[in-house]
Structure formats: C-alpha cells, structure tokens
Amino acid sequence: MRHADDIVPMRFVRSRAATGEPAPPAQKGRFHVMAKPIGSTCNVDCAYCFYLHKEQLLDQHRGRRMAPSMLERYIAQYIEAQNGEKIIFSWQGGEPTMLGLDFFRDIVALEKKHRPPGKRIENDLQTNATLLTDEWCEFLRDDGFLVGVSIDGPRGLHDAYRLDRKGQSTFDDVMRGIGLLKKHGVKFNTLTVVNRQNAKQPIDVYRFLRDEVGSAYMQFIPCVEAKDFRTVAPQHWPADAMPRLGAPAAHPGHADSVVTDWSVDPDDWGYFLSRTFDEWYRKDLGRVLVNLFETAVAQSMGMPSQICITAEFCGKALAIEHDGTVYSCDHYVYPEFELGNIETDHLGAMAFSERQQTFGYGKRDNLPKYCRECPYLSLCWGECPKNRLLRTPDGEPGLNYLCSGIKTFHRHVGPRLREIVGALRV
C-alpha cells in the first residue's frame, strides 16, 4: 500500500561466515518490503490472481507459514536496514488473516522488541476482509494497522472474478468485513483491480466505493497478465511474440492475444481513468484520495511520483516469501528474480545490491525510443515494466501494454491537472 523512494547506489558488506549470521549492511537506506508470511495460501480463488500460481511455481504447499524464528529474523533485519524515522511493515498473501490473530500479536511484540529508540513502527495489512471478526478489528484498531480491502465494485462486478474456492460469491462476506472495520473505527482504504469487466462501468465502480463502501482513499490497479504468466517471468518474453501497438493481439479476447481474457483492455483503461477522474474532479477533489490522480497532480508539479508504477525508477519495493526468500518485486516472484534468503544474506544488503539497482534503473534505461519521445514521459515513465508486452509502431520491443489508454487519460485530464496545479501554487 505504501512505496519507498527510489534506490540510490550504496555499498555494503557480505555475510559473516564465522558466525553464520548475515552481517548488517554497511549503510542503511529507505526501501519497502511486501511480506508474504503465508505465501500464496488464500481462501478466495480470484480468476485473475497473479499470486495463486506460486503454489506450483515455487513448490509451495497450502498451510505453510513463516516460522517464528524466520519472522523474528525478518523483523529485526528490516528494522536494522532502515534509516528513516518511520518504519512501515506491509503484510499480504495469499490471505494473511488465515495465519490467525496470535500470529499478528507476535508480530507487534517482535516489532516492539527490536524497535530502536526514536523510531516509529507502523503496519499495513492487505486483506479480502472475509475472515474479519470483532476481535480482529479491535486488534487492528488498537495497534494502529492501516487495512487495505480488496473489492472490485458492486456485487455483479466484484463477483465476476472474485469467487471463493467453491465458486460462490464473496461479496456479502467482504461487505460484512468492511462493516466491522467501520464499527470499530479501523482505518482502511480500498484496492480495486480494474479488469475487462468493471473497466466498462467506471462511474458505477467509483460511486459504489465512495457512497456505499465509504472509501476515502482508493487504489485502482490495472489487471494486466501475460497469457503465460504462470510459467514465464516478466521481461523474459521473446520479442518476436510481442504484437505491435494497436494490433488485434494487443487486446484481450483475441485468439492470439498476448494477455489473459480477464486483463483490462488498454482502451477501456483510458476510458475508466478519464471518466473516474471527471467524477472525482467535479465532486470529490480534496475529499477523496485516488492513488493515480494524486500522483498525477504531484508529478505535474515537478514532484516525484508517489507510487512505483509511474516513477522514473523502481527497485525499492521488494517481496519476501514465507521461507525467507527475497525477490526484486511483488510482481517478480519468479526464480529469475530471486535475490537471496535472509538466513544467509542481510535483507538490507539485498535491497541495495548491484543486481537490484540494475533492476531498478532498468525501468528507465530500457525504454524504447517511442516512450522517450512521448510528451507524457515524465508522468508515466513506461508504467510498470511487467506490462511491457508490446512492440512500438516501428517494431521496437518493450512498449507498455497500457500505452494507448495511458495516453488517452493524460490527453483528457491535462487541462484539469494544470488548473489544479495552478490553484495549488497560488
């Protein structure tokens, strides 16, 4: 839910062979880790989930969880490697609440144990909300957790892809969980995966989240999954298999499409963002926060992006699995992007390693000429590298699948963004 600043080069030392314990990093920095203490285990079977297949890819078995010793090692190393006054832990899955409330009580106790004087620790929890109880919500409130709830819109749109493992609706259970969060005063925001279905009904989705869910901070995530995402790591696709921008195969639903059938159509993504922005601008500016709109305003003012996908560089948002293995990014949990394991290498050393820096700078350095000459480059930076599935009109590989939609959005909102920026600078 939160992302740290971009990586800057740092030097660090290797692990201490004498003790078998990873040596602390020679220098500390700011980075973020998405922790997966239950791996891919989940009680919901979302059709579009990019993580459920890790059960096969990483040879995980349902019911695995991060061992107590590994949990403490992670918490200690993460705290040790941070140089900011505030240290933010993020917990995800799979579905993290399946670990049980005592697991999270242990997390809080370990954070207090390892917290240095003068440091503040906060926690995020991303959940489908179906397993929340009064006891859970009292804990989340009392220990100051910020909760992200996954919900894709009104019942029909939410249940299009978010069913349980019996193929039944999850909508009522999610709304019940949201009701409990409200009842106990737990801070929460919403995460909506914009897919092939709900992208066509942007106003219905936005008004539902605002008026019925009561979300004051909305995250909209485009669903883009390469057709072979279960077995092929991002950016390991053969260039000759990439369709050109605008080709039929550059859209979902085509027999030769480069993406899954549930992926959002790039043109629908532009439509969704544009219509939602108009509603937000007319009625909710300054009252409701939308991740993509807030960062567009910030970047239009010459400030850094607030989220990784539109930043010039990436690489400071890592992922750790239940067994302590660390990967370059939450969307790059594939053997090709494994950085090491905290049992043998310090988390901070991996975060600032040369390999991870190369990964982070590659977002900018590998952009095709078509992107480098785009008038919206400083607002997009090629979006997320995992979505660079196309070739440019000239045939150069590495163009973002969402390019046409992103351009539509920025052409549409440009005048309004300039108005907002002008008002803020007065």
Protein backbone atom coordinates (compact mmCIF):
# COMPACT_ATOMS: atom_id res chain seq x y z
CA MET A 1 0.00 0.00 0.00
CA ARG A 2 2.95 2.30 0.51
CA HIS A 3 6.13 2.56 -1.50
CA ALA A 4 9.54 3.92 -0.60
CA ASP A 5 11.76 6.29 -2.55
CA ASP A 6 13.83 5.15 -5.50
CA ILE A 7 17.06 3.27 -4.93
CA VAL A 8 20.33 5.16 -4.76
CA PRO A 9 23.67 3.35 -5.02
CA MET A 10 25.07 2.14 -1.71
CA ARG A 11 27.95 -0.04 -0.62
CA PHE A 12 27.52 -2.86 1.85
CA VAL A 13 29.37 -5.81 3.33
CA ARG A 14 28.84 -9.52 2.80
CA SER A 15 27.61 -12.05 5.34
CA ARG A 16 29.84 -13.09 8.24
CA ALA A 17 30.96 -16.64 7.56
CA ALA A 18 32.37 -17.00 11.07
CA THR A 19 29.00 -16.79 12.82
CA GLY A 20 26.71 -17.89 10.06
CA GLU A 21 24.66 -14.74 10.66
CA PRO A 22 24.20 -12.13 7.93
CA ALA A 23 26.31 -9.05 8.56
CA PRO A 24 24.36 -5.80 8.82
CA PRO A 25 24.50 -3.52 5.77
CA ALA A 26 27.39 -1.05 5.87
CA GLN A 27 24.93 1.73 5.08
CA LYS A 28 21.23 1.95 5.72
CA GLY A 29 18.55 3.31 3.41
CA ARG A 30 14.86 3.56 2.67
CA PHE A 31 13.15 0.69 0.98
CA HIS A 32 9.92 -1.24 1.28
CA VAL A 33 9.15 -4.94 1.51
CA MET A 34 5.87 -6.70 0.86
CA ALA A 35 5.91 -9.64 3.27
CA LYS A 36 4.09 -12.85 2.30
CA PRO A 37 4.18 -14.82 5.58
CA ILE A 38 1.58 -17.31 4.32
CA GLY A 39 2.86 -17.45 0.76
CA SER A 40 0.12 -17.93 -1.83
CA THR A 41 -2.36 -19.63 0.52
CA CYS A 42 -5.79 -18.00 0.23
CA ASN A 43 -9.44 -18.79 0.95
CA VAL A 44 -10.57 -16.97 -2.21
CA ASP A 45 -9.94 -18.18 -5.76
CA CYS A 46 -9.79 -14.98 -7.81
CA ALA A 47 -9.59 -15.83 -11.51
CA TYR A 48 -7.12 -13.04 -12.18
CA CYS A 49 -4.86 -13.54 -9.15
CA PHE A 50 -1.21 -13.25 -10.15
CA TYR A 51 -0.07 -14.98 -6.95
CA LEU A 52 -2.08 -18.18 -6.55
CA HIS A 53 0.07 -19.97 -9.13
CA LYS A 54 3.15 -19.53 -6.91
CA GLU A 55 1.91 -22.67 -5.14
CA GLN A 56 3.10 -24.63 -8.18
CA LEU A 57 5.87 -22.35 -9.44
CA LEU A 58 7.66 -22.20 -6.06
CA ASP A 59 6.54 -25.67 -4.94
CA GLN A 60 4.54 -24.26 -2.05
CA HIS A 61 2.00 -26.31 -0.15
CA ARG A 62 -1.18 -24.92 1.32
CA GLY A 63 -0.93 -24.24 5.01
CA ARG A 64 2.72 -23.16 5.02
CA ARG A 65 3.57 -20.15 7.13
CA MET A 66 6.60 -18.17 8.16
CA ALA A 67 8.28 -19.90 11.09
CA PRO A 68 8.65 -17.90 14.35
CA SER A 69 12.45 -17.75 14.02
CA MET A 70 12.20 -16.56 10.41
CA LEU A 71 9.60 -13.96 11.35
CA GLU A 72 11.85 -12.51 14.03
CA ARG A 73 14.86 -12.57 11.71
CA TYR A 74 12.88 -10.65 9.07
CA ILE A 75 11.56 -8.04 11.51
CA ALA A 76 15.00 -7.49 13.05
CA GLN A 77 16.78 -7.17 9.69
CA TYR A 78 14.15 -4.88 8.19
CA ILE A 79 14.35 -2.53 11.15
CA GLU A 80 18.15 -2.67 11.16
CA ALA A 81 18.39 -1.73 7.47
CA GLN A 82 16.10 1.32 7.63
CA ASN A 83 17.38 4.83 8.24
CA GLY A 84 14.05 6.65 8.32
CA GLU A 85 12.31 7.79 11.47
CA LYS A 86 9.21 5.82 10.46
CA ILE A 87 9.43 2.10 9.60
CA ILE A 88 6.47 0.58 7.76
CA PHE A 89 5.77 -3.15 7.62
CA SER A 90 3.35 -4.44 4.97
CA TRP A 91 1.69 -7.84 5.26
CA GLN A 92 -0.02 -9.59 2.37
CA GLY A 93 -0.55 -13.03 0.85
CA GLY A 94 -2.41 -15.03 -0.22
CA GLU A 95 -4.73 -14.06 2.59
CA PRO A 96 -2.73 -13.06 5.69
CA THR A 97 -5.64 -13.26 8.14
CA MET A 98 -5.59 -17.06 7.64
CA LEU A 99 -2.47 -17.00 9.85
CA GLY A 100 -4.67 -16.18 12.83
CA LEU A 101 -4.72 -13.28 15.23
CA ASP A 102 -2.00 -14.68 17.53
CA PHE A 103 0.49 -14.57 14.63
CA PHE A 104 -0.08 -10.84 14.31
CA ARG A 105 0.10 -10.30 18.05
CA ASP A 106 3.54 -11.92 17.83
CA ILE A 107 4.44 -9.51 15.02
CA VAL A 108 3.62 -6.50 17.15
CA ALA A 109 5.55 -7.93 20.11
CA LEU A 110 8.63 -8.56 17.95
CA GLU A 111 8.46 -5.08 16.47
CA LYS A 112 8.45 -3.61 19.96
CA LYS A 113 11.32 -5.85 20.97
CA HIS A 114 13.54 -4.71 18.08
CA ARG A 115 12.41 -1.09 17.76
CA PRO A 116 15.32 1.31 18.39
CA PRO A 117 14.71 4.43 20.49
CA GLY A 118 13.30 7.31 18.46
CA LYS A 119 11.84 5.10 15.73
CA ARG A 120 8.14 4.73 14.94
CA ILE A 121 6.76 1.49 13.53
CA GLU A 122 3.55 1.19 11.53
CA ASN A 123 1.81 -1.75 9.87
CA ASP A 124 -0.26 -2.26 6.71
CA LEU A 125 -2.44 -5.31 6.13
CA GLN A 126 -3.91 -6.16 2.71
CA THR A 127 -6.92 -8.45 3.05
CA ASN A 128 -10.02 -9.70 1.27
CA ALA A 129 -11.85 -8.92 4.56
CA THR A 130 -13.89 -12.15 4.52
CA LEU A 131 -12.39 -13.55 7.75
CA LEU A 132 -12.52 -10.39 9.86
CA THR A 133 -14.22 -10.56 13.25
CA ASP A 134 -14.87 -8.14 16.09
CA GLU A 135 -11.74 -9.41 17.82
CA TRP A 136 -9.65 -8.91 14.69
CA CYS A 137 -10.91 -5.36 14.25
CA GLU A 138 -10.30 -4.43 17.88
CA PHE A 139 -6.70 -5.58 17.48
CA LEU A 140 -6.22 -3.73 14.18
CA ARG A 141 -7.61 -0.53 15.71
CA ASP A 142 -5.70 -0.73 18.97
CA ASP A 143 -2.37 -1.44 17.26
CA GLY A 144 -2.88 1.15 14.54
CA PHE A 145 -2.93 -1.08 11.47
CA LEU A 146 -3.89 0.50 8.15
CA VAL A 147 -6.05 -2.03 6.32
CA GLY A 148 -6.38 -2.35 2.56
CA VAL A 149 -9.55 -4.12 1.44
CA SER A 150 -9.74 -5.76 -1.97
CA ILE A 151 -13.09 -5.06 -3.60
CA ASP A 152 -13.87 -4.63 -7.29
CA GLY A 153 -17.17 -2.76 -7.26
CA PRO A 154 -20.87 -3.60 -6.79
CA ARG A 155 -21.91 -7.23 -6.38
CA GLY A 156 -22.02 -8.26 -10.04
CA LEU A 157 -18.69 -6.66 -10.90
CA HIS A 158 -16.97 -7.84 -7.72
CA ASP A 159 -18.14 -11.43 -8.16
CA ALA A 160 -17.15 -11.54 -11.83
CA TYR A 161 -13.68 -12.77 -10.83
CA ARG A 162 -13.57 -12.83 -7.01
CA LEU A 163 -15.27 -16.10 -6.01
CA ASP A 164 -14.36 -18.44 -3.17
CA ARG A 165 -12.86 -21.90 -3.66
CA LYS A 166 -16.34 -23.38 -4.03
CA GLY A 167 -17.19 -20.95 -6.81
CA GLN A 168 -19.52 -18.96 -4.57
CA SER A 169 -19.91 -15.19 -4.20
CA THR A 170 -17.61 -13.39 -1.76
CA PHE A 171 -19.39 -10.02 -1.94
CA ASP A 172 -21.51 -10.32 1.22
CA ASP A 173 -18.56 -11.54 3.29
CA VAL A 174 -16.41 -8.63 2.09
CA MET A 175 -19.11 -6.08 2.87
CA ARG A 176 -19.62 -7.67 6.30
CA GLY A 177 -15.88 -7.29 6.94
CA ILE A 178 -15.98 -3.65 5.86
CA GLY A 179 -18.90 -3.11 8.21
CA LEU A 180 -16.82 -4.45 11.09
CA LEU A 181 -13.90 -2.18 10.20
CA LYS A 182 -16.25 0.81 10.30
CA LYS A 183 -17.89 -0.35 13.52
CA HIS A 184 -14.55 -0.47 15.33
CA GLY A 185 -13.05 2.65 13.74
CA VAL A 186 -10.27 0.86 11.85
CA LYS A 187 -8.50 2.94 9.20
CA PHE A 188 -8.97 1.33 5.80
CA ASN A 189 -8.66 2.04 2.12
CA THR A 190 -9.81 0.08 -0.93
CA LEU A 191 -7.88 -1.69 -3.65
CA THR A 192 -9.79 -2.30 -6.86
CA VAL A 193 -8.41 -4.43 -9.66
CA VAL A 194 -9.64 -2.86 -12.89
CA ASN A 195 -10.28 -5.76 -15.23
CA ARG A 196 -12.01 -6.49 -18.51
CA GLN A 197 -15.46 -6.31 -16.90
CA ASN A 198 -15.53 -3.44 -14.40
CA ALA A 199 -13.43 -1.16 -16.63
CA LYS A 200 -16.54 -0.63 -18.73
CA GLN A 201 -18.51 0.76 -15.76
CA PRO A 202 -16.21 3.32 -14.13
CA ILE A 203 -18.88 5.54 -12.60
CA ASP A 204 -20.72 2.60 -11.06
CA VAL A 205 -17.46 1.38 -9.50
CA TYR A 206 -16.35 4.78 -8.23
CA ARG A 207 -19.71 5.79 -6.75
CA PHE A 208 -20.11 2.41 -5.09
CA LEU A 209 -16.70 2.71 -3.42
CA ARG A 210 -17.38 6.30 -2.37
CA ASP A 211 -21.03 6.09 -1.33
CA GLU A 212 -21.62 2.52 -0.17
CA VAL A 213 -18.19 1.37 0.97
CA GLY A 214 -17.23 4.79 2.29
CA SER A 215 -13.70 4.67 0.92
CA ALA A 216 -11.82 7.93 1.27
CA TYR A 217 -8.68 6.51 -0.37
CA MET A 218 -8.97 4.36 -3.48
CA GLN A 219 -6.27 2.41 -5.23
CA PHE A 220 -7.00 1.38 -8.81
CA ILE A 221 -4.74 -1.37 -10.16
CA PRO A 222 -4.96 -2.36 -13.84
CA CYS A 223 -5.23 -6.10 -14.37
CA VAL A 224 -2.56 -6.96 -16.95
CA GLU A 225 -1.38 -10.55 -17.10
CA ALA A 226 0.64 -12.04 -19.91
CA LYS A 227 -1.03 -15.20 -21.17
CA ASP A 228 1.93 -17.29 -20.00
CA PHE A 229 2.38 -15.51 -16.64
CA ARG A 230 2.17 -18.76 -14.68
CA THR A 231 5.39 -20.11 -16.18
CA VAL A 232 7.30 -17.24 -17.81
CA ALA A 233 8.83 -14.44 -15.76
CA PRO A 234 8.21 -10.81 -16.74
CA GLN A 235 10.55 -9.42 -19.39
CA HIS A 236 11.54 -12.93 -20.48
CA TRP A 237 9.17 -12.95 -23.44
CA PRO A 238 10.58 -13.41 -26.95
CA ALA A 239 10.45 -10.11 -28.83
CA ASP A 240 9.01 -11.73 -31.95
CA ALA A 241 5.98 -12.87 -29.91
CA MET A 242 5.09 -9.29 -28.96
CA PRO A 243 2.30 -7.74 -31.06
CA ARG A 244 2.61 -4.16 -32.22
CA LEU A 245 0.63 -1.38 -30.61
CA GLY A 246 -2.96 -1.47 -31.83
CA ALA A 247 -2.81 -4.97 -33.30
CA PRO A 248 -5.75 -7.31 -32.51
CA ALA A 249 -3.42 -9.46 -30.38
CA ALA A 250 -2.68 -6.39 -28.25
CA HIS A 251 -6.19 -6.65 -26.78
CA PRO A 252 -7.86 -9.29 -24.59
CA GLY A 253 -10.28 -11.75 -26.14
CA HIS A 254 -8.38 -12.34 -29.37
CA ALA A 255 -7.30 -15.93 -30.06
CA ASP A 256 -3.66 -14.83 -30.26
CA SER A 257 -3.87 -12.17 -27.54
CA VAL A 258 -0.72 -11.53 -25.58
CA VAL A 259 -2.79 -11.26 -22.35
CA THR A 260 -5.34 -13.32 -20.46
CA ASP A 261 -9.03 -12.93 -21.21
CA TRP A 262 -9.68 -11.11 -17.92
CA SER A 263 -6.98 -8.47 -18.45
CA VAL A 264 -8.25 -4.94 -18.92
CA ASP A 265 -8.39 -3.69 -22.49
CA PRO A 266 -5.91 -0.78 -22.80
CA ASP A 267 -8.53 1.49 -24.35
CA ASP A 268 -11.01 0.64 -21.58
CA TRP A 269 -8.30 1.54 -19.05
CA GLY A 270 -8.07 5.01 -20.55
CA TYR A 271 -11.87 5.30 -20.51
CA PHE A 272 -12.08 4.12 -16.90
CA LEU A 273 -9.48 6.59 -15.66
CA SER A 274 -10.88 9.51 -17.65
CA ARG A 275 -14.49 9.05 -16.53
CA THR A 276 -13.49 8.40 -12.93
CA PHE A 277 -11.25 11.48 -12.92
CA ASP A 278 -14.12 13.65 -14.16
CA GLU A 279 -16.37 12.45 -11.33
CA TRP A 280 -13.59 12.90 -8.78
CA TYR A 281 -12.73 16.39 -10.06
CA ARG A 282 -16.34 17.61 -10.04
CA LYS A 283 -17.39 16.24 -6.66
CA ASP A 284 -14.52 14.91 -4.57
CA LEU A 285 -11.35 16.91 -5.19
CA GLY A 286 -9.67 17.36 -1.81
CA ARG A 287 -12.10 14.97 -0.13
CA VAL A 288 -11.40 11.57 -1.70
CA LEU A 289 -7.86 10.44 -2.48
CA VAL A 290 -7.25 8.32 -5.59
CA ASN A 291 -3.72 6.96 -5.93
CA LEU A 292 -3.29 7.56 -9.66
CA PHE A 293 -4.84 11.02 -9.59
CA GLU A 294 -2.90 12.22 -6.56
CA THR A 295 0.40 11.18 -8.10
CA ALA A 296 -0.54 12.77 -11.46
CA VAL A 297 -1.02 16.07 -9.64
CA ALA A 298 2.27 15.69 -7.79
CA GLN A 299 4.20 14.82 -10.96
CA SER A 300 2.57 17.71 -12.82
CA MET A 301 4.08 19.97 -10.15
CA GLY A 302 7.51 18.51 -10.79
CA MET A 303 7.48 16.38 -7.65
CA PRO A 304 8.44 12.68 -7.54
CA SER A 305 5.82 10.04 -8.17
CA GLN A 306 4.03 8.81 -5.07
CA ILE A 307 3.71 5.27 -6.46
CA CYS A 308 6.22 2.97 -8.08
CA ILE A 309 4.48 2.34 -11.40
CA THR A 310 4.76 5.97 -12.55
CA ALA A 311 8.18 6.64 -11.03
CA GLU A 312 11.30 7.05 -13.15
CA PHE A 313 12.98 4.14 -11.36
CA CYS A 314 11.76 1.13 -9.41
CA GLY A 315 13.53 -1.45 -7.29
CA LYS A 316 12.82 -0.27 -3.76
CA ALA A 317 9.69 -2.38 -3.27
CA LEU A 318 10.87 -5.94 -2.65
CA ALA A 319 8.96 -9.07 -1.67
CA ILE A 320 9.80 -11.73 0.92
CA GLU A 321 8.22 -15.16 0.93
CA HIS A 322 7.34 -17.27 3.97
CA ASP A 323 10.64 -19.19 3.72
CA GLY A 324 12.77 -16.02 3.84
CA THR A 325 13.50 -15.86 0.12
CA VAL A 326 13.64 -12.30 -1.19
CA TYR A 327 12.63 -11.19 -4.70
CA SER A 328 13.10 -7.98 -6.66
CA CYS A 329 9.41 -7.07 -6.56
CA ASP A 330 6.00 -8.39 -5.57
CA HIS A 331 5.22 -8.92 -9.27
CA TYR A 332 8.59 -10.56 -9.93
CA VAL A 333 8.38 -13.53 -7.58
CA TYR A 334 9.99 -15.89 -10.06
CA PRO A 335 13.27 -17.82 -9.76
CA GLU A 336 14.87 -15.45 -12.26
CA PHE A 337 14.44 -12.53 -9.85
CA GLU A 338 15.43 -14.20 -6.59
CA LEU A 339 17.91 -12.06 -4.63
CA GLY A 340 18.74 -14.48 -1.82
CA ASN A 341 17.48 -15.56 1.57
CA ILE A 342 17.66 -13.69 4.86
CA GLU A 343 19.13 -16.76 6.54
CA THR A 344 22.38 -16.20 4.63
CA ASP A 345 22.22 -12.62 3.31
CA HIS A 346 21.13 -9.49 5.08
CA LEU A 347 17.89 -8.00 3.78
CA GLY A 348 19.46 -4.55 3.54
CA ALA A 349 22.38 -5.89 1.53
CA MET A 350 19.99 -7.45 -0.96
CA ALA A 351 17.89 -4.29 -1.21
CA PHE A 352 20.91 -2.20 -2.18
CA SER A 353 22.80 -4.83 -4.13
CA GLU A 354 24.17 -4.08 -7.58
CA ARG A 355 21.75 -6.60 -9.04
CA GLN A 356 18.74 -4.87 -7.51
CA GLN A 357 19.98 -1.46 -8.58
CA THR A 358 20.31 -2.73 -12.15
CA PHE A 359 16.73 -3.99 -11.89
CA GLY A 360 15.53 -0.60 -10.63
CA TYR A 361 17.36 1.57 -13.15
CA GLY A 362 16.31 -0.74 -15.98
CA LYS A 363 12.82 0.73 -15.82
CA ARG A 364 14.13 3.97 -17.33
CA ASP A 365 17.16 2.72 -19.21
CA ASN A 366 15.29 0.11 -21.26
CA LEU A 367 12.52 2.36 -22.53
CA PRO A 368 12.02 2.26 -26.30
CA LYS A 369 12.53 5.42 -28.35
CA TYR A 370 8.75 5.72 -28.77
CA CYS A 371 8.45 6.28 -25.00
CA ARG A 372 11.47 8.56 -24.67
CA GLU A 373 9.92 10.90 -27.23
CA CYS A 374 6.43 10.81 -25.71
CA PRO A 375 5.08 14.11 -24.29
CA TYR A 376 3.78 12.22 -21.25
CA LEU A 377 7.07 10.52 -20.39
CA SER A 378 7.55 12.38 -17.10
CA LEU A 379 4.03 11.36 -16.00
CA CYS A 380 4.33 7.70 -16.94
CA TRP A 381 7.94 6.50 -17.33
CA GLY A 382 6.70 3.47 -19.23
CA GLU A 383 4.43 2.38 -16.35
CA CYS A 384 5.26 -0.98 -14.72
CA PRO A 385 7.95 -2.97 -16.58
CA LYS A 386 5.97 -6.18 -16.05
CA ASN A 387 3.40 -4.79 -18.51
CA ARG A 388 5.84 -4.09 -21.36
CA LEU A 389 4.35 -6.70 -23.63
CA LEU A 390 4.14 -4.87 -26.96
CA ARG A 391 6.29 -3.52 -29.75
CA THR A 392 6.14 0.09 -30.87
CA PRO A 393 4.73 1.05 -34.28
CA ASP A 394 8.34 0.89 -35.54
CA GLY A 395 8.75 -2.63 -34.18
CA GLU A 396 10.94 -1.89 -31.13
CA PRO A 397 10.07 -4.22 -28.24
CA GLY A 398 9.32 -3.14 -24.68
CA LEU A 399 6.28 -0.89 -25.07
CA ASN A 400 3.73 -0.97 -22.26
CA TYR A 401 0.52 -2.85 -23.00
CA LEU A 402 -1.49 0.04 -21.50
CA CYS A 403 0.16 2.74 -23.60
CA SER A 404 -2.88 3.78 -25.63
CA GLY A 405 -5.06 4.03 -22.52
CA ILE A 406 -2.46 5.99 -20.56
CA LYS A 407 -2.17 8.49 -23.41
CA THR A 408 -5.96 8.82 -23.61
CA PHE A 409 -6.11 9.57 -19.90
CA HIS A 410 -3.40 12.23 -19.93
CA ARG A 411 -4.77 13.92 -23.04
CA HIS A 412 -8.16 14.07 -21.35
CA VAL A 413 -7.10 15.30 -17.90
CA GLY A 414 -4.22 17.57 -18.90
CA PRO A 415 -6.23 20.84 -18.75
CA ARG A 416 -7.74 19.91 -15.39
CA LEU A 417 -4.36 18.93 -13.98
CA ARG A 418 -2.99 22.32 -14.99
CA GLU A 419 -5.91 24.01 -13.25
CA ILE A 420 -5.28 22.05 -10.06
CA VAL A 421 -1.57 22.76 -10.13
CA GLY A 422 -2.20 26.46 -10.75
CA ALA A 423 -4.58 26.65 -7.78
CA LEU A 424 -2.13 24.86 -5.51
CA ARG A 425 0.67 27.26 -6.45
CA VAL A 426 -1.33 30.41 -5.72
